[in-house]
């Protein structure tokens, strides 16, 4: 073991040595994130199977467990947009990664302490949870998990991103060695991530019910990865703070509202609409930008892009609602089925389906869509993914109906702990469709924001995660509506205390109707969306200066007319430079 440690130190020392001229600083410092990337893969199945921990170990009711799982997953995704704003304005990536890792590991330690003795609570433990460290640990896991995603990705995979070489580059100017070694570092990142995920699969396959062990091992892995990251902290340069597109949008909207009374003639050309926020009323006032009354025309155009994608973004919420079924009801179905393949294998097949469908679409369909810059490809990909969500819910409804019939035939329908005499292999098709939906709709949404949202390289995954989290939170309200409807119409609840006492088949049918309705709305919105506003490279965008309003008084010749005696103001636009 000591020999391998010395070999690893020598390799890392060679990477950091100045003699390695092929490596720039970002590539050399990526090796200090290997430990946290490994822990990220190790956490893959811990939070994904949290529903089993709540229903099996803590013996919570189905409704309580589903609400907690959806709440933590939704908040963990939605908070990423707040984390992005905090990173840009205050902390930067390194300090946010350190803080998030500490919170994440502390939350997992508290969750490990909340596991009851004997690995199972004898009765419903919901009321007793306030006497344990469960809620504090869950809160820290939500905040730490949300805060770790963006800085970890930015300091690891984003630093090894291999872009296409421009066509106008001469071969002598391309540093081939740098690109090759960057690919090697990127390959090592994926190796550590996959190794952590396979370690998690191994742990859940052989020790599925050892939740205290899962929480504790994940926390220790994050601490070790953080210590390794701190070893490279002195080699990083100064942090760089910058404005986010969301703060720019807020700035622009406030400036436009304060200048809504202005009237002027637009002389910018190129089809630009009136940009009140970019109009400078007084050339002598140099504090307008600090008082949120003045913006550049580029900032106004970025705000317009964000406002234009709101209708399309609203149709992506249902994707998050359907995706939440994979971490809740699908897992509960598998726990109450006997024999066949393991739940961990089903989740592994879901991941393989996601990757295979995504790559298959790129090879078969994406290159065949003959549009400029593949501008329609994202919309088609998302649409196919939404159709796949309908098939996923429909198949899940049929499988659940068969499972309930098998329980009823054996007289076990009222037994919450009974396992249906059916193989888990029946769930294979719905997990495949779930993975296909994530590979098509999920990746398509990321690409859509990457093409049509400003500062897309940093904020496309953030916008996607926030919308997915919002859909997960809305699924709690949708469940409440279904529960109210079933009690009012059929005098019984479709969401019972356990999965055997519930009617998941009817719940899945409700999701089918919701997905079908969303597909029609998406088709209408996508057909009317303008795909001409595709974002180019940031370095090719030209900064347009602010606008100055010059006030002129026009004297009228006819003095007898009372209307002509009034002073009239005409606003003209003139270009001026930004300080």
Protein backbone atom coordinates (compact mmCIF):
# COMPACT_ATOMS: atom_id res chain seq x y z
CA UNK A 1 0.00 0.00 0.00
CA UNK A 2 2.82 2.39 0.83
CA UNK A 3 4.44 1.70 -2.56
CA UNK A 4 1.29 2.79 -4.38
CA UNK A 5 1.11 5.97 -2.31
CA UNK A 6 4.69 6.88 -3.25
CA UNK A 7 3.95 6.18 -6.92
CA UNK A 8 0.90 8.45 -6.74
CA UNK A 9 2.95 11.23 -5.09
CA UNK A 10 5.60 10.96 -7.79
CA UNK A 11 3.01 11.16 -10.55
CA UNK A 12 1.36 14.21 -9.00
CA UNK A 13 4.74 15.81 -8.42
CA UNK A 14 5.59 15.26 -12.06
CA UNK A 15 2.33 16.88 -13.14
CA UNK A 16 3.08 19.91 -10.98
CA UNK A 17 6.69 20.19 -12.03
CA UNK A 18 7.54 23.20 -14.22
CA UNK A 19 9.27 20.79 -16.64
CA UNK A 20 5.87 19.67 -17.88
CA UNK A 21 5.42 22.53 -20.32
CA UNK A 22 2.42 20.92 -22.01
CA UNK A 23 0.30 21.58 -18.94
CA UNK A 24 -1.15 24.95 -18.17
CA UNK A 25 -2.11 25.74 -14.59
CA UNK A 26 -5.79 24.70 -14.85
CA UNK A 27 -4.88 21.24 -16.17
CA UNK A 28 -2.21 20.70 -13.54
CA UNK A 29 -4.50 21.69 -10.68
CA UNK A 30 -7.33 19.40 -11.76
CA UNK A 31 -5.60 16.47 -10.06
CA UNK A 32 -6.47 17.97 -6.66
CA UNK A 33 -10.18 17.48 -7.42
CA UNK A 34 -9.85 13.73 -8.05
CA UNK A 35 -10.83 12.86 -4.47
CA UNK A 36 -13.99 14.99 -4.50
CA UNK A 37 -14.91 13.63 -7.93
CA UNK A 38 -14.59 10.10 -6.54
CA UNK A 39 -16.83 11.01 -3.58
CA UNK A 40 -19.33 12.51 -6.04
CA UNK A 41 -19.59 9.16 -7.77
CA UNK A 42 -19.83 7.41 -4.41
CA UNK A 43 -22.88 9.51 -3.55
CA UNK A 44 -24.73 8.43 -6.71
CA UNK A 45 -26.99 5.83 -5.12
CA UNK A 46 -27.09 7.20 -1.57
CA UNK A 47 -29.53 10.02 -2.23
CA UNK A 48 -31.17 8.22 -5.15
CA UNK A 49 -32.32 5.44 -2.79
CA UNK A 50 -33.23 7.70 0.13
CA UNK A 51 -36.85 6.59 -0.20
CA UNK A 52 -35.92 3.07 0.89
CA UNK A 53 -34.14 4.43 3.96
CA UNK A 54 -37.21 6.40 5.01
CA UNK A 55 -39.75 3.59 4.49
CA UNK A 56 -37.63 0.62 5.59
CA UNK A 57 -35.27 1.90 8.29
CA UNK A 58 -37.40 4.74 9.70
CA UNK A 59 -40.70 3.00 8.88
CA UNK A 60 -42.34 6.19 7.61
CA UNK A 61 -45.60 6.24 5.70
CA UNK A 62 -45.42 6.36 1.94
CA UNK A 63 -46.79 9.89 1.71
CA UNK A 64 -44.31 11.18 4.29
CA UNK A 65 -41.34 9.49 2.63
CA UNK A 66 -42.26 10.71 -0.86
CA UNK A 67 -42.70 14.27 0.38
CA UNK A 68 -39.30 14.30 2.13
CA UNK A 69 -37.48 12.81 -0.87
CA UNK A 70 -39.05 15.22 -3.37
CA UNK A 71 -38.46 18.16 -1.05
CA UNK A 72 -34.76 17.47 -0.57
CA UNK A 73 -34.17 16.71 -4.24
CA UNK A 74 -36.13 19.73 -5.44
CA UNK A 75 -34.48 22.17 -3.06
CA UNK A 76 -31.04 20.73 -3.76
CA UNK A 77 -31.52 21.44 -7.47
CA UNK A 78 -33.28 24.79 -7.13
CA UNK A 79 -30.68 26.22 -4.75
CA UNK A 80 -28.01 25.86 -7.42
CA UNK A 81 -29.10 29.09 -9.02
CA UNK A 82 -28.56 30.91 -5.71
CA UNK A 83 -25.19 29.23 -5.38
CA UNK A 84 -24.21 30.45 -8.85
CA UNK A 85 -25.07 34.02 -7.90
CA UNK A 86 -23.07 33.73 -4.67
CA UNK A 87 -20.07 32.30 -6.52
CA UNK A 88 -20.04 35.09 -9.09
CA UNK A 89 -20.50 37.93 -6.62
CA UNK A 90 -18.74 36.89 -3.39
CA UNK A 91 -16.94 33.59 -2.79
CA UNK A 92 -15.62 32.23 -6.06
CA UNK A 93 -15.30 28.54 -6.93
CA UNK A 94 -12.59 27.42 -4.50
CA UNK A 95 -14.07 28.79 -1.29
CA UNK A 96 -17.54 27.61 -2.29
CA UNK A 97 -16.19 24.10 -2.91
CA UNK A 98 -14.52 24.05 0.51
CA UNK A 99 -17.60 25.35 2.31
CA UNK A 100 -19.97 23.01 0.49
CA UNK A 101 -17.80 19.95 1.17
CA UNK A 102 -17.74 20.74 4.88
CA UNK A 103 -21.52 21.14 4.98
CA UNK A 104 -22.08 18.04 2.87
CA UNK A 105 -19.89 15.80 5.04
CA UNK A 106 -21.37 17.20 8.26
CA UNK A 107 -24.88 16.50 7.00
CA UNK A 108 -24.00 12.90 6.12
CA UNK A 109 -22.45 12.37 9.56
CA UNK A 110 -25.66 13.62 11.18
CA UNK A 111 -27.77 11.36 8.98
CA UNK A 112 -25.59 8.42 10.00
CA UNK A 113 -26.22 9.25 13.66
CA UNK A 114 -29.98 9.41 13.04
CA UNK A 115 -30.15 5.79 11.86
CA UNK A 116 -31.99 3.83 14.60
CA UNK A 117 -30.30 0.96 16.38
CA UNK A 118 -30.80 -2.38 14.76
CA UNK A 119 -31.07 -0.66 11.37
CA UNK A 120 -34.87 -0.46 11.61
CA UNK A 121 -37.35 1.56 13.64
CA UNK A 122 -39.98 -0.66 15.34
CA UNK A 123 -42.81 1.79 14.53
CA UNK A 124 -43.43 5.01 12.63
CA UNK A 125 -40.57 7.32 13.57
CA UNK A 126 -41.84 10.54 12.00
CA UNK A 127 -42.67 12.20 15.32
CA UNK A 128 -39.46 10.93 16.89
CA UNK A 129 -37.31 12.46 14.15
CA UNK A 130 -37.31 15.82 15.93
CA UNK A 131 -35.39 14.18 18.79
CA UNK A 132 -32.66 12.98 16.42
CA UNK A 133 -30.20 14.72 14.11
CA UNK A 134 -32.17 13.78 10.97
CA UNK A 135 -33.61 17.18 10.06
CA UNK A 136 -30.35 19.00 10.75
CA UNK A 137 -28.44 16.46 8.67
CA UNK A 138 -30.95 16.61 5.83
CA UNK A 139 -30.75 20.42 5.78
CA UNK A 140 -26.96 20.36 5.57
CA UNK A 141 -27.08 17.72 2.84
CA UNK A 142 -29.48 19.87 0.81
CA UNK A 143 -27.36 23.02 1.14
CA UNK A 144 -24.01 21.26 0.78
CA UNK A 145 -25.15 19.14 -2.16
CA UNK A 146 -26.52 22.17 -3.98
CA UNK A 147 -23.37 24.22 -3.35
CA UNK A 148 -20.89 21.52 -4.40
CA UNK A 149 -22.11 20.76 -7.92
CA UNK A 150 -21.14 24.00 -9.68
CA UNK A 151 -17.64 24.62 -8.23
CA UNK A 152 -16.63 20.95 -8.49
CA UNK A 153 -17.62 20.82 -12.16
CA UNK A 154 -15.97 24.17 -12.88
CA UNK A 155 -12.65 23.19 -11.27
CA UNK A 156 -12.52 19.71 -12.80
CA UNK A 157 -14.37 18.91 -16.01
CA UNK A 158 -14.65 22.49 -17.23
CA UNK A 159 -10.88 22.97 -16.95
CA UNK A 160 -10.28 19.94 -19.20
CA UNK A 161 -12.89 20.87 -21.76
CA UNK A 162 -11.58 20.16 -25.27
CA UNK A 163 -13.05 22.57 -27.80
CA UNK A 164 -12.91 22.15 -31.53
CA UNK A 165 -9.89 23.77 -33.18
CA UNK A 166 -10.94 26.73 -35.34
CA UNK A 167 -10.63 26.18 -39.06
CA UNK A 168 -8.54 29.33 -39.59
CA UNK A 169 -5.83 28.17 -37.18
CA UNK A 170 -2.51 27.24 -38.69
CA UNK A 171 -1.16 23.80 -37.70
CA UNK A 172 1.97 25.39 -36.24
CA UNK A 173 -0.09 27.45 -33.82
CA UNK A 174 -2.01 24.54 -32.37
CA UNK A 175 -0.45 23.05 -29.29
CA UNK A 176 -1.17 19.42 -30.02
CA UNK A 177 0.57 18.18 -26.90
CA UNK A 178 -1.58 20.36 -24.64
CA UNK A 179 -4.79 19.00 -26.14
CA UNK A 180 -3.58 15.42 -25.82
CA UNK A 181 -2.63 15.70 -22.16
CA UNK A 182 -5.81 17.60 -21.44
CA UNK A 183 -7.72 14.61 -22.78
CA UNK A 184 -5.66 12.35 -20.50
CA UNK A 185 -6.63 14.40 -17.45
CA UNK A 186 -10.27 14.39 -18.55
CA UNK A 187 -10.12 10.63 -18.97
CA UNK A 188 -8.74 10.31 -15.42
CA UNK A 189 -11.61 12.44 -14.12
CA UNK A 190 -14.15 10.11 -15.68
CA UNK A 191 -12.20 7.15 -14.33
CA UNK A 192 -12.42 8.45 -10.74
CA UNK A 193 -16.10 9.32 -11.18
CA UNK A 194 -16.96 5.88 -12.57
CA UNK A 195 -14.87 4.17 -9.90
CA UNK A 196 -16.80 5.97 -7.18
CA UNK A 197 -20.10 5.05 -8.83
CA UNK A 198 -19.10 1.39 -9.17
CA UNK A 199 -18.02 1.37 -5.53
CA UNK A 200 -21.46 2.68 -4.60
CA UNK A 201 -23.10 0.00 -6.75
CA UNK A 202 -21.01 -2.68 -5.03
CA UNK A 203 -21.92 -1.37 -1.56
CA UNK A 204 -25.65 -1.25 -2.25
CA UNK A 205 -25.63 -4.61 -4.03
CA UNK A 206 -24.20 -6.49 -1.04
CA UNK A 207 -25.12 -4.18 1.88
CA UNK A 208 -28.32 -2.49 0.75
CA UNK A 209 -29.85 -2.03 4.23
CA UNK A 210 -26.66 -0.81 5.95
CA UNK A 211 -27.61 2.85 5.77
CA UNK A 212 -25.44 3.99 8.62
CA UNK A 213 -22.46 2.51 6.81
CA UNK A 214 -23.44 4.21 3.51
CA UNK A 215 -23.77 7.64 5.10
CA UNK A 216 -20.57 7.31 7.10
CA UNK A 217 -18.44 6.10 4.18
CA UNK A 218 -19.68 8.90 1.94
CA UNK A 219 -18.87 11.52 4.59
CA UNK A 220 -15.36 10.13 5.11
CA UNK A 221 -14.76 10.09 1.33
CA UNK A 222 -15.73 13.77 1.07
CA UNK A 223 -13.42 14.71 3.96
CA UNK A 224 -10.48 12.86 2.41
CA UNK A 225 -11.18 14.45 -0.97
CA UNK A 226 -11.37 17.88 0.66
CA UNK A 227 -8.02 17.40 2.40
CA UNK A 228 -6.44 16.46 -0.91
CA UNK A 229 -7.98 19.53 -2.55
CA UNK A 230 -6.56 21.76 0.20
CA UNK A 231 -3.08 20.47 -0.66
CA UNK A 232 -3.33 22.27 -3.99
CA UNK A 233 -5.01 25.40 -2.66
CA UNK A 234 -1.77 27.48 -2.52
CA UNK A 235 -1.17 26.88 -6.23
CA UNK A 236 -4.40 28.57 -7.30
CA UNK A 237 -4.37 32.19 -8.38
CA UNK A 238 -6.60 35.01 -7.12
CA UNK A 239 -10.34 34.49 -7.37
CA UNK A 240 -12.23 36.21 -10.14
CA UNK A 241 -15.64 37.69 -9.42
CA UNK A 242 -18.03 38.58 -12.21
CA UNK A 243 -21.62 39.53 -12.87
CA UNK A 244 -24.17 36.84 -13.58
CA UNK A 245 -26.85 37.06 -16.29
CA UNK A 246 -29.55 36.97 -13.63
CA UNK A 247 -28.20 40.03 -11.85
CA UNK A 248 -27.88 41.73 -15.24
CA UNK A 249 -31.52 40.92 -15.98
CA UNK A 250 -32.65 42.33 -12.63
CA UNK A 251 -30.53 45.44 -13.17
CA UNK A 252 -31.97 45.94 -16.65
CA UNK A 253 -35.59 45.44 -15.63
CA UNK A 254 -35.28 47.96 -12.79
CA UNK A 255 -33.58 50.49 -15.08
CA UNK A 256 -36.24 50.01 -17.76
CA UNK A 257 -39.04 50.46 -15.22
CA UNK A 258 -37.52 53.69 -13.93
CA UNK A 259 -37.28 55.07 -17.50
CA UNK A 260 -40.63 53.86 -18.81
CA UNK A 261 -41.74 57.47 -19.33
CA UNK A 262 -39.11 58.19 -22.00
CA UNK A 263 -39.99 58.48 -25.68
CA UNK A 264 -37.32 58.38 -28.33
CA UNK A 265 -36.62 57.30 -31.85
CA UNK A 266 -34.70 54.06 -32.28
CA UNK A 267 -31.71 54.48 -34.55
CA UNK A 268 -29.73 51.38 -33.69
CA UNK A 269 -30.96 49.37 -36.66
CA UNK A 270 -30.76 45.60 -36.94
CA UNK A 271 -34.32 45.28 -35.71
CA UNK A 272 -33.60 46.25 -32.13
CA UNK A 273 -36.56 47.28 -30.07
CA UNK A 274 -36.70 50.24 -27.73
CA UNK A 275 -34.17 49.79 -24.93
CA UNK A 276 -35.14 52.23 -22.23
CA UNK A 277 -32.57 50.81 -19.78
CA UNK A 278 -29.71 51.77 -22.13
CA UNK A 279 -30.78 55.40 -22.47
CA UNK A 280 -28.65 57.95 -20.61
CA UNK A 281 -30.73 60.96 -19.66
CA UNK A 282 -27.99 63.25 -18.35
CA UNK A 283 -24.42 63.10 -19.65
CA UNK A 284 -23.16 64.79 -16.50
CA UNK A 285 -24.46 62.07 -14.21
CA UNK A 286 -21.74 59.44 -13.76
CA UNK A 287 -23.46 57.46 -11.02
CA UNK A 288 -26.35 56.13 -13.07
CA UNK A 289 -25.01 52.58 -13.25
CA UNK A 290 -24.52 52.45 -9.50
CA UNK A 291 -28.11 53.59 -8.99
CA UNK A 292 -29.40 50.87 -11.34
CA UNK A 293 -30.68 53.38 -13.89
CA UNK A 294 -28.35 52.67 -16.81
CA UNK A 295 -27.31 49.55 -18.73
CA UNK A 296 -25.42 48.80 -21.91
CA UNK A 297 -27.32 47.68 -24.98
CA UNK A 298 -25.62 44.28 -24.74
CA UNK A 299 -27.03 43.83 -21.24
CA UNK A 300 -30.47 44.75 -22.55
CA UNK A 301 -30.19 42.19 -25.32
CA UNK A 302 -29.11 39.52 -22.82
CA UNK A 303 -32.17 40.30 -20.74
CA UNK A 304 -34.38 39.96 -23.80
CA UNK A 305 -32.90 36.54 -24.49
CA UNK A 306 -33.70 35.41 -20.95
CA UNK A 307 -37.25 36.73 -21.22
CA UNK A 308 -37.75 35.05 -24.61
CA UNK A 309 -36.94 31.58 -23.28
CA UNK A 310 -39.40 31.76 -20.38
CA UNK A 311 -42.36 30.23 -22.32
CA UNK A 312 -40.21 27.32 -23.51
CA UNK A 313 -38.73 26.89 -20.03
CA UNK A 314 -42.21 26.57 -18.50
CA UNK A 315 -42.83 23.43 -20.56
CA UNK A 316 -39.71 21.78 -19.11
CA UNK A 317 -41.17 21.65 -15.59
CA UNK A 318 -43.20 18.49 -16.27
CA UNK A 319 -39.95 16.73 -17.15
CA UNK A 320 -38.83 17.27 -13.54
CA UNK A 321 -42.16 15.97 -12.25
CA UNK A 322 -41.90 12.72 -14.22
CA UNK A 323 -38.21 12.35 -13.39
CA UNK A 324 -39.04 12.45 -9.67
CA UNK A 325 -40.93 9.15 -10.04
CA UNK A 326 -37.63 7.33 -10.56
CA UNK A 327 -36.41 8.19 -7.05
CA UNK A 328 -39.72 7.56 -5.28
CA UNK A 329 -42.45 5.26 -6.59
CA UNK A 330 -40.21 3.20 -8.86
CA UNK A 331 -37.98 2.32 -5.92
CA UNK A 332 -40.96 1.47 -3.71
CA UNK A 333 -42.31 -0.81 -6.44
CA UNK A 334 -39.02 -2.68 -6.65
CA UNK A 335 -38.83 -3.08 -2.85
CA UNK A 336 -42.19 -4.87 -2.85
CA UNK A 337 -41.40 -7.34 -5.63
CA UNK A 338 -39.75 -10.71 -5.10
CA UNK A 339 -36.81 -12.19 -6.95
CA UNK A 340 -35.27 -11.27 -10.24
CA UNK A 341 -32.58 -8.68 -10.76
CA UNK A 342 -31.57 -6.25 -8.04
CA UNK A 343 -32.78 -2.65 -7.83
CA UNK A 344 -29.18 -1.47 -8.17
CA UNK A 345 -28.91 -3.32 -11.49
CA UNK A 346 -32.11 -1.61 -12.69
CA UNK A 347 -30.65 1.78 -11.83
CA UNK A 348 -27.42 0.86 -13.61
CA UNK A 349 -29.45 -0.10 -16.70
CA UNK A 350 -31.24 3.25 -16.44
CA UNK A 351 -27.90 5.06 -16.58
CA UNK A 352 -26.72 2.95 -19.53
CA UNK A 353 -30.00 3.67 -21.35
CA UNK A 354 -29.54 7.39 -20.74
CA UNK A 355 -26.03 7.42 -22.20
CA UNK A 356 -26.83 5.08 -25.11
CA UNK A 357 -29.93 6.97 -26.24
CA UNK A 358 -28.15 10.31 -26.00
CA UNK A 359 -25.21 9.13 -28.12
CA UNK A 360 -27.53 7.32 -30.53
CA UNK A 361 -29.51 10.48 -31.13
CA UNK A 362 -26.34 12.42 -31.87
CA UNK A 363 -25.17 9.87 -34.41
CA UNK A 364 -28.50 9.14 -36.14
CA UNK A 365 -30.77 12.18 -35.91
CA UNK A 366 -28.75 15.24 -35.01
CA UNK A 367 -26.56 15.13 -38.13
CA UNK A 368 -29.57 14.53 -40.37
CA UNK A 369 -31.41 17.66 -39.35
CA UNK A 370 -30.31 20.04 -42.07
CA UNK A 371 -30.60 23.37 -40.29
CA UNK A 372 -28.13 26.14 -39.71
CA UNK A 373 -26.08 25.37 -36.56
CA UNK A 374 -28.58 22.57 -35.74
CA UNK A 375 -30.89 25.19 -34.30
CA UNK A 376 -33.97 22.94 -34.50
CA UNK A 377 -32.20 19.85 -33.19
CA UNK A 378 -32.63 20.79 -29.52
CA UNK A 379 -36.39 21.24 -29.88
CA UNK A 380 -36.80 17.91 -31.66
CA UNK A 381 -34.69 16.13 -29.05
CA UNK A 382 -36.72 17.56 -26.18
CA UNK A 383 -39.98 16.66 -27.94
CA UNK A 384 -38.94 13.03 -28.40
CA UNK A 385 -37.92 12.91 -24.74
CA UNK A 386 -41.35 14.19 -23.68
CA UNK A 387 -43.02 11.50 -25.78
CA UNK A 388 -40.80 8.96 -24.04
CA UNK A 389 -42.05 10.22 -20.66
CA UNK A 390 -45.59 9.23 -21.71
CA UNK A 391 -44.43 5.71 -22.53
CA UNK A 392 -42.54 5.50 -19.23
CA UNK A 393 -45.60 6.35 -17.12
CA UNK A 394 -47.90 4.15 -19.22
CA UNK A 395 -45.64 1.11 -18.86
CA UNK A 396 -45.26 1.74 -15.12
CA UNK A 397 -49.06 1.84 -14.76
CA UNK A 398 -49.49 -1.51 -16.51
CA UNK A 399 -46.76 -3.17 -14.42
CA UNK A 400 -48.25 -1.83 -11.18
CA UNK A 401 -51.71 -3.13 -12.14
CA UNK A 402 -50.22 -6.57 -12.68
CA UNK A 403 -48.38 -6.38 -9.34
CA UNK A 404 -51.55 -5.46 -7.44
CA UNK A 405 -53.44 -8.31 -9.11
CA UNK A 406 -50.72 -10.73 -8.04
CA UNK A 407 -50.98 -9.52 -4.44
CA UNK A 408 -54.76 -9.75 -4.49
CA UNK A 409 -54.61 -13.28 -5.85
CA UNK A 410 -52.41 -14.33 -2.92
CA UNK A 411 -54.49 -12.39 -0.38
CA UNK A 412 -51.61 -10.08 0.53
CA UNK A 413 -53.06 -6.78 -0.64
CA UNK A 414 -53.55 -5.43 2.90
CA UNK A 415 -50.12 -6.51 4.13
CA UNK A 416 -47.76 -3.49 3.89
CA UNK A 417 -44.65 -5.69 4.14
CA UNK A 418 -45.70 -8.31 1.58
CA UNK A 419 -43.73 -8.81 -1.60
CA UNK A 420 -45.61 -9.58 -4.78
CA UNK A 421 -44.75 -12.93 -6.39
CA UNK A 422 -43.34 -11.13 -9.41
CA UNK A 423 -39.80 -10.67 -10.62
CA UNK A 424 -38.24 -7.22 -10.58
CA UNK A 425 -37.45 -7.82 -14.23
CA UNK A 426 -40.94 -6.53 -15.01
CA UNK A 427 -39.65 -3.06 -14.09
CA UNK A 428 -36.88 -3.21 -16.65
CA UNK A 429 -38.82 -1.51 -19.44
CA UNK A 430 -39.97 1.48 -17.37
CA UNK A 431 -36.42 2.09 -16.10
CA UNK A 432 -35.16 1.97 -19.70
CA UNK A 433 -37.78 4.51 -20.76
CA UNK A 434 -36.89 6.68 -17.76
CA UNK A 435 -33.23 6.67 -18.75
CA UNK A 436 -34.14 7.42 -22.37
CA UNK A 437 -36.25 10.37 -21.23
CA UNK A 438 -33.33 11.75 -19.22
CA UNK A 439 -30.93 11.26 -22.12
CA UNK A 440 -33.22 12.98 -24.63
CA UNK A 441 -35.20 15.61 -22.75
CA UNK A 442 -32.62 16.27 -20.03
CA UNK A 443 -29.66 16.63 -22.36
CA UNK A 444 -31.82 18.51 -24.87
CA UNK A 445 -32.79 21.08 -22.25
CA UNK A 446 -29.13 21.61 -21.36
CA UNK A 447 -28.29 22.10 -25.04
CA UNK A 448 -31.24 24.47 -25.47
CA UNK A 449 -30.04 26.74 -22.67
CA UNK A 450 -26.51 26.37 -23.98
CA UNK A 451 -27.58 27.77 -27.35
CA UNK A 452 -30.13 30.40 -26.37
CA UNK A 453 -29.26 31.61 -22.86
CA UNK A 454 -26.60 34.26 -22.20
CA UNK A 455 -23.40 33.08 -20.51
CA UNK A 456 -24.58 29.60 -21.42
CA UNK A 457 -21.34 27.81 -20.70
CA UNK A 458 -21.75 28.37 -16.97
CA UNK A 459 -25.49 28.70 -16.55
CA UNK A 460 -27.02 26.11 -18.91
CA UNK A 461 -26.70 23.23 -16.36
CA UNK A 462 -27.82 25.61 -13.57
CA UNK A 463 -31.03 26.59 -15.38
CA UNK A 464 -31.73 22.93 -16.18
CA UNK A 465 -31.24 21.78 -12.58
CA UNK A 466 -33.37 24.63 -11.23
CA UNK A 467 -36.28 23.82 -13.54
CA UNK A 468 -35.98 20.12 -12.75
CA UNK A 469 -35.99 20.89 -9.02
CA UNK A 470 -39.00 23.16 -9.42
CA UNK A 471 -40.83 20.33 -11.17
CA UNK A 472 -39.90 17.97 -8.33
CA UNK A 473 -41.33 20.41 -5.81
CA UNK A 474 -44.50 20.78 -7.88
CA UNK A 475 -44.93 17.01 -7.86
CA UNK A 476 -45.66 17.29 -4.13
CA UNK A 477 -48.57 19.61 -4.89
CA UNK A 478 -49.70 17.34 -7.73
CA UNK A 479 -49.76 14.43 -5.29
CA UNK A 480 -51.86 16.49 -2.91
CA UNK A 481 -54.34 17.25 -5.72
CA UNK A 482 -54.54 13.55 -6.62
CA UNK A 483 -55.09 12.65 -2.97
CA UNK A 484 -57.86 15.24 -2.62
CA UNK A 485 -59.53 14.10 -5.84
CA UNK A 486 -59.46 10.42 -4.86
CA UNK A 487 -60.91 11.12 -1.42
CA UNK A 488 -63.64 13.36 -2.85
CA UNK A 489 -64.57 11.15 -5.80
CA UNK A 490 -63.91 7.59 -4.61
CA UNK A 491 -64.02 8.07 -0.81
CA UNK A 492 -60.55 6.55 -0.48
CA UNK A 493 -57.01 7.76 -0.93
CA UNK A 494 -54.86 6.51 -3.76
CA UNK A 495 -51.79 7.18 -1.61
CA UNK A 496 -51.96 4.79 1.33
CA UNK A 497 -49.59 4.17 4.20
CA UNK A 498 -47.56 1.74 2.09
CA UNK A 499 -47.12 0.97 -1.57
CA UNK A 500 -49.30 -2.16 -1.25
CA UNK A 501 -52.16 -0.08 0.14
CA UNK A 502 -51.91 2.52 -2.61
CA UNK A 503 -53.08 2.73 -6.21
CA UNK A 504 -49.89 3.68 -7.98
CA UNK A 505 -51.37 2.46 -11.27
CA UNK A 506 -53.96 5.24 -11.17
CA UNK A 507 -51.34 7.78 -10.09
CA UNK A 508 -49.21 6.81 -13.08
CA UNK A 509 -52.23 7.31 -15.33
CA UNK A 510 -52.63 10.82 -13.95
CA UNK A 511 -49.00 11.48 -14.87
CA UNK A 512 -49.68 10.11 -18.36
CA UNK A 513 -52.47 12.65 -18.85
CA UNK A 514 -50.25 15.42 -17.51
CA UNK A 515 -47.40 14.43 -19.85
CA UNK A 516 -49.75 14.27 -22.86
CA UNK A 517 -51.13 17.74 -22.09
CA UNK A 518 -47.61 19.10 -21.69
CA UNK A 519 -46.59 17.61 -25.06
CA UNK A 520 -49.37 19.54 -26.82
CA UNK A 521 -48.38 22.76 -25.04
CA UNK A 522 -44.73 22.18 -25.86
CA UNK A 523 -45.51 21.54 -29.53
CA UNK A 524 -47.39 24.84 -29.74
CA UNK A 525 -44.73 26.87 -27.91
CA UNK A 526 -41.82 25.25 -29.75
CA UNK A 527 -43.41 25.82 -33.16
CA UNK A 528 -43.85 29.53 -32.45
CA UNK A 529 -40.42 30.04 -30.86
CA UNK A 530 -37.84 31.98 -32.85
CA UNK A 531 -34.69 29.90 -33.22
CA UNK A 532 -32.73 32.73 -34.83
CA UNK A 533 -31.38 34.08 -31.53
CA UNK A 534 -28.73 31.39 -31.19
CA UNK A 535 -25.80 32.47 -29.05
CA UNK A 536 -22.37 32.65 -30.68
CA UNK A 537 -19.02 32.58 -28.98
CA UNK A 538 -18.66 35.20 -26.22
CA UNK A 539 -15.38 36.45 -27.64
CA UNK A 540 -17.07 37.22 -30.96
CA UNK A 541 -19.83 39.32 -29.41
CA UNK A 542 -19.39 43.05 -29.82
CA UNK A 543 -20.01 45.29 -26.84
CA UNK A 544 -22.50 48.00 -27.81
CA UNK A 545 -22.16 51.19 -25.77
CA UNK A 546 -24.90 52.85 -23.82
CA UNK A 547 -27.17 55.43 -25.38
CA UNK A 548 -27.39 59.11 -24.58
CA UNK A 549 -30.59 61.10 -24.78
CA UNK A 550 -30.08 64.65 -25.95
CA UNK A 551 -32.94 66.96 -25.02
CA UNK A 552 -33.81 69.70 -27.50
CA UNK A 553 -36.48 72.39 -27.31
CA UNK A 554 -38.31 73.20 -30.49
CA UNK A 555 -39.65 76.75 -30.86
CA UNK A 556 -42.85 77.13 -32.80
CA UNK A 557 -43.44 79.99 -35.18
CA UNK A 558 -47.17 80.28 -34.58
CA UNK A 559 -47.39 82.16 -31.29
CA UNK A 560 -51.17 82.52 -31.27
CA UNK A 561 -51.91 78.86 -30.85
CA UNK A 562 -51.85 77.90 -27.10
CA UNK A 563 -50.66 74.38 -27.89
CA UNK A 564 -47.68 75.74 -29.80
CA UNK A 565 -46.70 77.87 -26.80
CA UNK A 566 -45.93 74.71 -24.82
CA UNK A 567 -42.43 73.37 -24.89
CA UNK A 568 -42.03 70.10 -26.82
CA UNK A 569 -39.21 67.70 -26.21
CA UNK A 570 -37.66 65.48 -28.84
CA UNK A 571 -35.32 62.66 -27.84
CA UNK A 572 -32.55 61.70 -30.21
CA UNK A 573 -30.04 58.87 -29.79
CA UNK A 574 -26.32 59.37 -29.94
CA UNK A 575 -23.55 56.81 -29.32
CA UNK A 576 -21.16 57.38 -26.48
CA UNK A 577 -18.38 55.28 -25.01
CA UNK A 578 -18.59 53.33 -21.78
CA UNK A 579 -16.19 54.31 -19.03
